[in-house]
Amino acid sequence: MLPEVLPIAPYTAPLADPEVTLPGSKSLTNRALILAAMGEGETALSGALFSRDTRLMLAALKALGFSAAADEPAREIRLAGGGGSIPAASADLGVGNAGTVARFLPALLALRAGGEFRIDGDEAMRARPIAPLLQALADLGAAEADFSGEPGCYPFALRTAGYRGGEGSLDARASSQMLSALLMALPCARADATTLRLTGGEVRRPFVEMTLAAMRQFGVGGVEEIEPGTFRIPGRQTYRAPGGRYRIEPDATAASYFLALPRAAGGALRLPGLGTEMLQGDTAFAAVIAQAGIEITRAPGGWSAEFRGRAAAPIDADFSGFSDTFLTLAALAPILGVPVTIRGIAHTRHQETDRVAGMANELRKLIGEDAVTEEEGALHLRPDPGELRRRAAQGLPPVETYEDHRFAMSFGILGSHDLLGNGQPWLQIKDPACCAKTFPDFFEALDSLRPRRQ
């Protein structure tokens, strides 16, 4: 049981090449659950993540009448699909503050003709974008939402009619998950094809490409981008994983914390399970953290990360394609000793919290007001490790996590640095249990990597 405020014990000896067991990818676990639910027969999902977000998805599918059995110690879920049909005609569903559940479920539900489903989320979810997806479902004649709170937001009742094909449009600038939701559901439509046109500007593509790749692994293809931003999705298709089994990759976002850890602690570590060809766009973080003096070696059986020396030049990185990892670099910036510019993160203001503002607030406590410049879609950091050391020696307030797991894990890595040289904690983190969203035993894993002589 984690305390409400957790002091982070610094590493007092370099990492001695331990292995890190990463959890399964949240993004892929919830995509695989949706695809298996739409598939035929039973699918065994191995390497699954068990966290708050994935439990919410599994609970929703069970409430919809899908048969599922979970073996948490074996990290396996067995789910019997409905062949493109939703068993239940009505249900009360909760999405918590899980973006994948909140965006994927309405598109799945719209497969059901004559359904009525009541859906709500946490207070934070009620402020997160969902209206463009609901408008797209309405335009396609697949579903209509009746809002019981703020129009265009959770909670609402969704009256579903099934997809009829034809043409529709979607503004997915706020979240590529809305596009992924429709791309996954529309192949099961009882129509020859649907044309979906993106409006409003560019969508972050890595997660969309991951969705399309997962769909192909479940035996469904043929989605064409017939012109930039316009997709043609053939219908009347059936999902089926080869042999009824699907392996979920380790979480590349979770890997970012451990790729950064050698910079805080020194030494080297290994991450088995990561491969040379992965679906997750967040693997791009490896090239960014390499600029901070980490040497990354990729092999088919896993990756390794080793601290090779301090950053030699300012770091300027565009995180638009892998924005969940920007917090890892930002939290580490106070000890890097070079200016750090982080771009392409405007959309993260609408995630679990306003991540840009939250990160700026916490870094100002550590390195001073003048060292942090916040823009709509960027952070400019000019850290002075000496100033950080001075403030830490005087005592720092605990880091706020804003009910956001990525704040807790990112600053957990920073706190692992023996800043004061005495092995004593200098950084505390509020609400460390918020990591349950994607990595429930993160702090136990972090502690387990310490060399035994510590």
Foldseek 3Di string as FASTA:
>chain_A
DDDQKFFFFAFQAFFPAAEFEFQFAPLVLLLVVLQQQQFAAKFKEFSAFQFPQNVLSVVQLVQQPWDKDDDVVRRIMITHYDNLEGNHQEGEGERAQHPLSLQQVVLSNLQYAFHKYWYFYPPLQQQFADQQLQVQCVQQVFWHWDAPDPPRGDTTMIGGGFGDAEETEGAQQLHCSNVLNNLSNAQAGPYQKHKYAYDDDDHQPLSVQLSQVVQVQQPAHDWDPPDVRMIIHGHPDHGHHVVSYDYTAGHLLLVLLVLLLCLQRFFKYWYFRDAPDDSGPSVVVNVQCVQQQWDWDHHGGTIMIGHHDARPAEGEDECLNPQLNPLLCLLQVQPRQYKYKYFNALSCCRHSHHVQVLSQVQVCQQANDVQWDGDNTMIIGRHDLVSNLVSLVVATDAREQSLPQSNLSSNSSNQNHPSNSPSDRSYMHGPNCSVSRGGRCSSVSVVVSHDPVD
